Amino acid sequence: MGAAAAGGPPLGRDGRMEILTLSPFVKSAAGSIGGTMEACCLQPIDTIKTRLQLDAAKKYSGIYNCGQTIIKEEGVRSLWKGLTPFAVHLTLKYALRMGTNAFYQSLLRDQDGLLSGHRRMMAGFAAGVTEALCIVTPFEVVKIRLQQQKGMAKDKLLYKGPVHCAVMTVRQDGIFGLWAGAAPTVLRNGTNQMCLFWAKNHMDGVLWGKTEGDGMQLTPLQSMGSGFSAACIGPVATGPFDVVKTRLMAQQKQPDGSKKYSSFINALVTIPREEGIRAMWRGLLPRLMRIPPGQAIVWAVSDQITGYCERHDIGVTRKAVVDETIAKGTS
């Protein structure tokens, strides 16, 4: 591979500029490894976020108090409650997210292999919808119901583990019970990934002068910086969707067979009416404490893997650029 042109794609053997495009399978593998690392590091923050979102009685006064109370009442290991479904969920989610985003981008690229900003956002939204329906919703239903349980005595727990929780959910609510809260999850994940993939590419250019497919290898700290910055937009924009999703997934049938929230719209109206508009962003701070650092970890890992593959021509497609002027300025 030739040396990268300053601020643009690398030069091929014939001296022409080239766009390097990685196979969706390579990006999928890189994402899955990054997701595993994120799950192990940040599960306690996710547990605290979920407890705060379910805290209609206002038992916890804040993030620190919530974490301290969980440790005191249930033990420190309870902060990693639901880790198994969370880790599997993130590993599969990032594999699907990175892979499908690369696939959708390949469908939307122009004849030079370039991708405009709005098409990048379209690919990100489609990837978010795909992951929400295929992986995120059923795994989060199980995770949230496990995190919702209070108390240390195992014989008093409704769910004994992830598999038992999934089986009980299907018995009580039918197979579609595992997709409770699918609508807000689709809206949340689609919007999140639309913002994330556009912002990550944009921040790479603004902070480090990197353009996609230029062959430039970011350091782990550089990837963490752009990944962290890019991930701050989504949680603020999708806070209400996340709160509604959590409430719908956590609720169970009452003795008369009814549920408090009958639908996504009903929950979207009922929560602010009963608890105030600020309740729609409950758990935002722990989300901001979890998602941007999580994305920093994921991108630090995945960028190193994809960079290695680019340098060693593993799963790389090269496309000569017809209009080199556009290529130098593409983002």
Protein backbone atom coordinates (compact mmCIF):
# COMPACT_ATOMS: atom_id res chain seq x y z
CA MET A 1 0.00 0.00 0.00
CA GLY A 2 1.32 3.46 -0.84
CA ALA A 3 1.72 6.27 1.64
CA ALA A 4 -1.40 8.14 2.58
CA ALA A 5 -1.87 11.49 0.99
CA ALA A 6 -2.04 14.30 3.53
CA GLY A 7 -5.65 14.64 4.60
CA GLY A 8 -6.90 12.20 1.97
CA PRO A 9 -6.92 8.60 0.72
CA PRO A 10 -3.67 6.64 0.23
CA LEU A 11 -1.91 6.29 -3.09
CA GLY A 12 -2.13 3.01 -4.97
CA ARG A 13 0.66 1.33 -6.91
CA ASP A 14 -0.26 3.34 -10.02
CA GLY A 15 -0.04 6.62 -8.11
CA ARG A 16 -3.79 7.22 -8.08
CA MET A 17 -5.72 7.90 -4.87
CA GLU A 18 -7.56 4.93 -3.39
CA ILE A 19 -10.41 4.52 -0.92
CA LEU A 20 -9.94 1.56 1.43
CA THR A 21 -13.16 -0.18 2.43
CA LEU A 22 -13.17 -2.96 5.02
CA SER A 23 -15.41 -6.01 4.79
CA PRO A 24 -18.51 -5.90 7.04
CA PHE A 25 -17.25 -9.17 8.57
CA VAL A 26 -14.01 -7.54 9.71
CA LYS A 27 -15.89 -4.61 11.24
CA SER A 28 -18.34 -7.03 12.86
CA ALA A 29 -15.51 -8.97 14.53
CA ALA A 30 -13.81 -5.76 15.70
CA GLY A 31 -17.07 -4.49 17.18
CA SER A 32 -17.79 -7.72 19.06
CA ILE A 33 -14.40 -7.68 20.79
CA GLY A 34 -14.85 -4.04 21.73
CA GLY A 35 -18.34 -4.78 23.10
CA THR A 36 -17.03 -7.50 25.41
CA MET A 37 -14.48 -5.09 26.89
CA GLU A 38 -17.13 -2.43 27.42
CA ALA A 39 -19.53 -4.79 29.21
CA CYS A 40 -16.98 -5.93 31.79
CA CYS A 41 -15.86 -2.38 32.59
CA LEU A 42 -19.17 -0.52 32.74
CA GLN A 43 -21.85 -2.93 33.99
CA PRO A 44 -22.10 -1.25 37.47
CA ILE A 45 -23.03 2.09 35.88
CA ASP A 46 -25.74 0.38 33.81
CA THR A 47 -27.19 -1.28 36.92
CA ILE A 48 -27.35 2.08 38.74
CA LYS A 49 -28.94 3.73 35.67
CA THR A 50 -31.66 1.09 35.52
CA ARG A 51 -32.45 1.32 39.24
CA LEU A 52 -32.75 5.12 39.02
CA GLN A 53 -35.09 4.90 36.02
CA LEU A 54 -37.33 2.44 37.88
CA ASP A 55 -37.26 4.47 41.11
CA ALA A 56 -40.74 6.02 40.95
CA ALA A 57 -40.82 6.05 44.80
CA LYS A 58 -37.59 8.11 44.83
CA LYS A 59 -35.73 5.73 47.15
CA TYR A 60 -32.36 6.87 45.82
CA SER A 61 -31.21 10.49 46.10
CA GLY A 62 -28.62 10.23 43.33
CA ILE A 63 -26.00 8.11 41.57
CA TYR A 64 -23.65 7.76 44.54
CA ASN A 65 -26.49 7.05 46.99
CA CYS A 66 -27.94 4.45 44.62
CA GLY A 67 -24.64 2.62 44.25
CA GLN A 68 -23.93 2.81 47.97
CA THR A 69 -27.41 1.50 48.84
CA ILE A 70 -27.13 -1.43 46.41
CA ILE A 71 -23.75 -2.45 47.91
CA LYS A 72 -25.05 -2.09 51.47
CA GLU A 73 -28.29 -4.01 50.94
CA GLU A 74 -27.27 -6.56 48.30
CA GLY A 75 -23.47 -6.73 48.23
CA VAL A 76 -20.92 -5.37 45.76
CA ARG A 77 -21.47 -8.25 43.33
CA SER A 78 -25.01 -6.97 42.78
CA LEU A 79 -23.55 -4.09 40.77
CA TRP A 80 -22.68 -6.73 38.15
CA LYS A 81 -26.17 -8.27 38.32
CA GLY A 82 -27.25 -9.12 34.79
CA LEU A 83 -23.65 -9.16 33.48
CA THR A 84 -24.07 -12.40 31.52
CA PRO A 85 -26.95 -11.20 29.32
CA PHE A 86 -25.36 -7.74 29.19
CA ALA A 87 -21.99 -9.06 27.96
CA VAL A 88 -23.57 -11.43 25.42
CA HIS A 89 -25.93 -8.68 24.39
CA LEU A 90 -23.12 -6.14 23.82
CA THR A 91 -20.89 -8.63 22.01
CA LEU A 92 -23.67 -9.56 19.57
CA LYS A 93 -25.00 -6.00 19.38
CA TYR A 94 -21.70 -4.46 18.36
CA ALA A 95 -20.99 -7.26 15.93
CA LEU A 96 -24.37 -6.63 14.28
CA ARG A 97 -24.11 -2.83 14.56
CA MET A 98 -20.67 -2.51 13.01
CA GLY A 99 -21.33 -5.19 10.40
CA THR A 100 -24.73 -3.94 9.25
CA ASN A 101 -23.58 -0.32 9.28
CA ALA A 102 -20.70 -1.27 6.97
CA PHE A 103 -23.16 -3.19 4.77
CA TYR A 104 -25.66 -0.32 4.58
CA GLN A 105 -22.83 2.11 3.87
CA SER A 106 -21.65 -0.09 0.99
CA LEU A 107 -25.12 0.18 -0.54
CA LEU A 108 -25.16 3.96 -0.20
CA ARG A 109 -21.66 4.83 -1.46
CA ASP A 110 -21.26 6.65 -4.77
CA GLN A 111 -19.23 5.44 -7.75
CA ASP A 112 -16.01 6.70 -6.15
CA GLY A 113 -16.67 4.78 -2.93
CA LEU A 114 -17.39 8.02 -1.04
CA LEU A 115 -20.21 8.54 1.46
CA SER A 116 -22.00 11.84 2.06
CA GLY A 117 -22.95 12.97 5.57
CA HIS A 118 -26.68 12.38 5.18
CA ARG A 119 -26.14 8.92 3.69
CA ARG A 120 -23.83 8.07 6.57
CA MET A 121 -26.65 9.05 8.95
CA MET A 122 -29.13 6.91 6.99
CA ALA A 123 -26.83 3.89 7.27
CA GLY A 124 -26.38 4.49 11.01
CA PHE A 125 -30.13 4.75 11.58
CA ALA A 126 -30.75 1.53 9.64
CA ALA A 127 -28.06 -0.26 11.64
CA GLY A 128 -29.64 0.96 14.90
CA VAL A 129 -33.09 -0.29 13.87
CA THR A 130 -31.62 -3.66 12.87
CA GLU A 131 -29.81 -4.18 16.17
CA ALA A 132 -32.84 -3.03 18.17
CA LEU A 133 -35.17 -5.60 16.63
CA CYS A 134 -32.74 -8.52 16.36
CA ILE A 135 -30.75 -8.30 19.59
CA VAL A 136 -31.20 -5.29 21.87
CA THR A 137 -34.87 -5.58 22.84
CA PRO A 138 -35.03 -9.23 24.03
CA PHE A 139 -31.66 -9.03 25.80
CA GLU A 140 -32.56 -5.79 27.56
CA VAL A 141 -35.90 -7.18 28.72
CA VAL A 142 -34.02 -9.99 30.50
CA LYS A 143 -31.28 -7.68 31.79
CA ILE A 144 -33.68 -5.08 33.17
CA ARG A 145 -35.87 -7.64 34.91
CA LEU A 146 -32.79 -9.17 36.57
CA GLN A 147 -31.51 -5.73 37.63
CA GLN A 148 -34.95 -4.81 38.96
CA GLN A 149 -34.85 -7.54 41.61
CA LYS A 150 -34.13 -6.39 45.13
CA GLY A 151 -32.70 -8.42 47.99
CA MET A 152 -29.81 -10.81 48.51
CA ALA A 153 -31.60 -14.05 49.34
CA LYS A 154 -31.67 -16.19 46.21
CA ASP A 155 -34.71 -18.16 47.34
CA LYS A 156 -36.71 -14.91 47.30
CA LEU A 157 -35.75 -13.89 43.79
CA LEU A 158 -38.42 -14.25 41.10
CA TYR A 159 -35.79 -14.97 38.44
CA LYS A 160 -32.91 -17.34 39.16
CA GLY A 161 -30.84 -16.36 36.14
CA PRO A 162 -30.96 -15.11 32.51
CA VAL A 163 -32.37 -18.30 30.99
CA HIS A 164 -34.94 -18.71 33.77
CA CYS A 165 -35.94 -15.06 33.34
CA ALA A 166 -36.43 -15.48 29.60
CA VAL A 167 -38.49 -18.66 30.07
CA MET A 168 -40.67 -17.05 32.76
CA THR A 169 -41.23 -13.98 30.60
CA VAL A 170 -42.42 -16.12 27.68
CA ARG A 171 -44.71 -18.12 30.00
CA GLN A 172 -46.26 -14.99 31.51
CA ASP A 173 -46.41 -12.68 28.51
CA GLY A 174 -45.95 -14.90 25.46
CA ILE A 175 -43.01 -14.83 23.05
CA PHE A 176 -43.61 -11.17 22.25
CA GLY A 177 -43.05 -10.38 25.93
CA LEU A 178 -39.34 -10.49 25.07
CA TRP A 179 -39.98 -7.60 22.67
CA ALA A 180 -41.76 -5.40 25.22
CA GLY A 181 -40.72 -1.82 24.59
CA ALA A 182 -39.62 -2.51 21.01
CA ALA A 183 -40.97 0.78 19.62
CA PRO A 184 -39.00 3.13 21.91
CA THR A 185 -35.97 0.86 21.58
CA VAL A 186 -36.08 1.17 17.78
CA LEU A 187 -36.40 4.95 18.02
CA ARG A 188 -33.64 5.18 20.64
CA ASN A 189 -31.13 2.94 18.88
CA GLY A 190 -31.85 4.26 15.41
CA THR A 191 -31.33 7.85 16.54
CA ASN A 192 -28.29 6.93 18.64
CA GLN A 193 -26.47 5.20 15.81
CA MET A 194 -27.45 7.86 13.30
CA CYS A 195 -25.75 10.44 15.53
CA LEU A 196 -22.85 8.19 16.55
CA PHE A 197 -21.50 7.07 13.18
CA TRP A 198 -21.79 10.54 11.69
CA ALA A 199 -20.24 12.23 14.73
CA LYS A 200 -17.38 9.69 15.07
CA ASN A 201 -16.35 10.19 11.47
CA HIS A 202 -16.68 13.97 11.86
CA MET A 203 -14.67 14.07 15.12
CA ASP A 204 -11.91 11.93 13.58
CA GLY A 205 -11.53 14.63 10.93
CA VAL A 206 -11.82 17.63 13.24
CA LEU A 207 -9.53 16.31 15.98
CA TRP A 208 -7.00 14.22 14.08
CA GLY A 209 -7.30 15.09 10.40
CA LYS A 210 -8.42 11.57 9.48
CA THR A 211 -10.83 10.77 6.66
CA GLU A 212 -12.45 7.39 6.22
CA GLY A 213 -10.49 4.98 4.05
CA ASP A 214 -7.27 7.06 4.11
CA GLY A 215 -5.22 4.28 5.73
CA MET A 216 -4.28 6.47 8.72
CA GLN A 217 -3.98 4.54 12.01
CA LEU A 218 -5.29 6.37 15.08
CA THR A 219 -3.71 5.67 18.45
CA PRO A 220 -6.01 4.15 21.13
CA LEU A 221 -6.13 7.50 22.95
CA GLN A 222 -7.12 9.32 19.75
CA SER A 223 -9.88 6.78 19.10
CA MET A 224 -11.08 7.16 22.69
CA GLY A 225 -11.19 10.95 22.33
CA SER A 226 -13.27 10.99 19.15
CA GLY A 227 -15.45 8.06 20.30
CA PHE A 228 -16.19 9.69 23.65
CA SER A 229 -17.05 13.04 22.04
CA ALA A 230 -19.27 11.48 19.39
CA ALA A 231 -21.27 9.47 21.95
CA CYS A 232 -22.39 12.48 24.01
CA ILE A 233 -25.10 13.50 21.54
CA GLY A 234 -27.28 10.37 21.50
CA PRO A 235 -28.15 10.02 25.22
CA VAL A 236 -29.45 13.61 25.45
CA ALA A 237 -31.53 13.26 22.28
CA THR A 238 -33.00 9.87 23.20
CA GLY A 239 -33.49 10.19 26.99
CA PRO A 240 -37.32 9.95 26.87
CA PHE A 241 -37.20 6.88 24.60
CA ASP A 242 -34.81 5.17 27.03
CA VAL A 243 -36.98 5.86 30.10
CA VAL A 244 -40.14 4.63 28.34
CA LYS A 245 -38.29 1.56 27.07
CA THR A 246 -37.12 0.68 30.58
CA ARG A 247 -40.59 1.09 32.12
CA LEU A 248 -42.27 -1.02 29.43
CA MET A 249 -39.67 -3.78 29.71
CA ALA A 250 -39.76 -3.90 33.51
CA GLN A 251 -43.53 -3.88 34.04
CA GLN A 252 -45.35 -7.12 34.77
CA LYS A 253 -49.02 -8.04 34.74
CA GLN A 254 -51.05 -6.99 37.76
CA PRO A 255 -53.40 -9.44 39.53
CA ASP A 256 -56.26 -8.41 37.24
CA GLY A 257 -54.12 -9.15 34.20
CA SER A 258 -53.65 -5.50 33.21
CA LYS A 259 -50.46 -3.44 32.97
CA LYS A 260 -49.84 0.15 34.06
CA TYR A 261 -48.63 1.24 30.64
CA SER A 262 -50.71 -0.07 27.76
CA SER A 263 -48.43 1.17 24.98
CA PHE A 264 -45.45 3.30 24.04
CA ILE A 265 -47.63 6.40 23.57
CA ASN A 266 -49.49 5.75 26.84
CA ALA A 267 -46.20 5.56 28.76
CA LEU A 268 -44.85 8.65 26.97
CA VAL A 269 -47.90 10.61 28.21
CA THR A 270 -48.37 9.00 31.65
CA ILE A 271 -44.82 9.31 32.99
CA PRO A 272 -44.47 13.12 32.67
CA ARG A 273 -48.07 13.64 33.79
CA GLU A 274 -47.54 11.68 37.01
CA GLU A 275 -43.88 12.44 37.74
CA GLY A 276 -43.08 15.65 35.85
CA ILE A 277 -41.25 16.28 32.59
CA ARG A 278 -37.83 15.84 34.22
CA ALA A 279 -38.68 12.18 34.78
CA MET A 280 -38.26 11.66 31.03
CA TRP A 281 -34.53 12.26 31.45
CA ARG A 282 -34.18 10.31 34.69
CA GLY A 283 -30.98 8.30 34.57
CA LEU A 284 -29.41 10.67 32.00
CA LEU A 285 -26.29 11.34 34.07
CA PRO A 286 -25.45 7.65 34.55
CA ARG A 287 -26.16 7.14 30.85
CA LEU A 288 -23.62 9.87 30.10
CA MET A 289 -21.25 8.22 32.57
CA ARG A 290 -21.68 4.87 30.80
CA ILE A 291 -22.26 5.43 27.07
CA PRO A 292 -19.45 7.88 26.13
CA PRO A 293 -16.81 5.94 28.13
CA GLY A 294 -18.23 2.73 26.68
CA GLN A 295 -17.90 4.07 23.15
CA ALA A 296 -14.38 5.24 23.95
CA ILE A 297 -13.48 1.66 24.91
CA VAL A 298 -15.22 0.13 21.90
CA TRP A 299 -13.61 2.47 19.36
CA ALA A 300 -10.18 2.19 20.97
CA VAL A 301 -10.34 -1.58 20.49
CA SER A 302 -12.12 -1.75 17.13
CA ASP A 303 -10.03 0.99 15.48
CA GLN A 304 -6.86 -0.91 16.35
CA ILE A 305 -8.26 -4.10 14.82
CA THR A 306 -9.55 -2.42 11.67
CA GLY A 307 -6.29 -0.46 11.34
CA TYR A 308 -4.30 -3.69 11.54
CA CYS A 309 -6.49 -5.25 8.86
CA GLU A 310 -6.05 -2.21 6.60
CA ARG A 311 -2.26 -2.33 6.97
CA HIS A 312 -2.13 -6.07 6.21
CA ASP A 313 -4.79 -6.12 3.46
CA ILE A 314 -7.18 -8.33 5.46
CA GLY A 315 -10.71 -7.97 4.13
CA VAL A 316 -9.82 -4.74 2.29
CA THR A 317 -11.40 -3.55 -0.93
CA ARG A 318 -9.52 -0.84 -2.83
CA LYS A 319 -11.25 1.57 -5.17
CA ALA A 320 -9.41 4.12 -7.28
CA VAL A 321 -10.87 7.60 -6.87
CA VAL A 322 -12.04 9.28 -10.05
CA ASP A 323 -12.45 12.78 -8.62
CA GLU A 324 -9.41 13.33 -6.39
CA THR A 325 -10.50 16.85 -5.44
CA ILE A 326 -13.64 15.51 -3.78
CA ALA A 327 -11.72 12.69 -2.14
CA LYS A 328 -9.33 15.07 -0.39
CA GLY A 329 -12.20 16.93 1.22
CA THR A 330 -14.58 14.08 1.94
CA SER A 331 -15.83 13.48 5.46
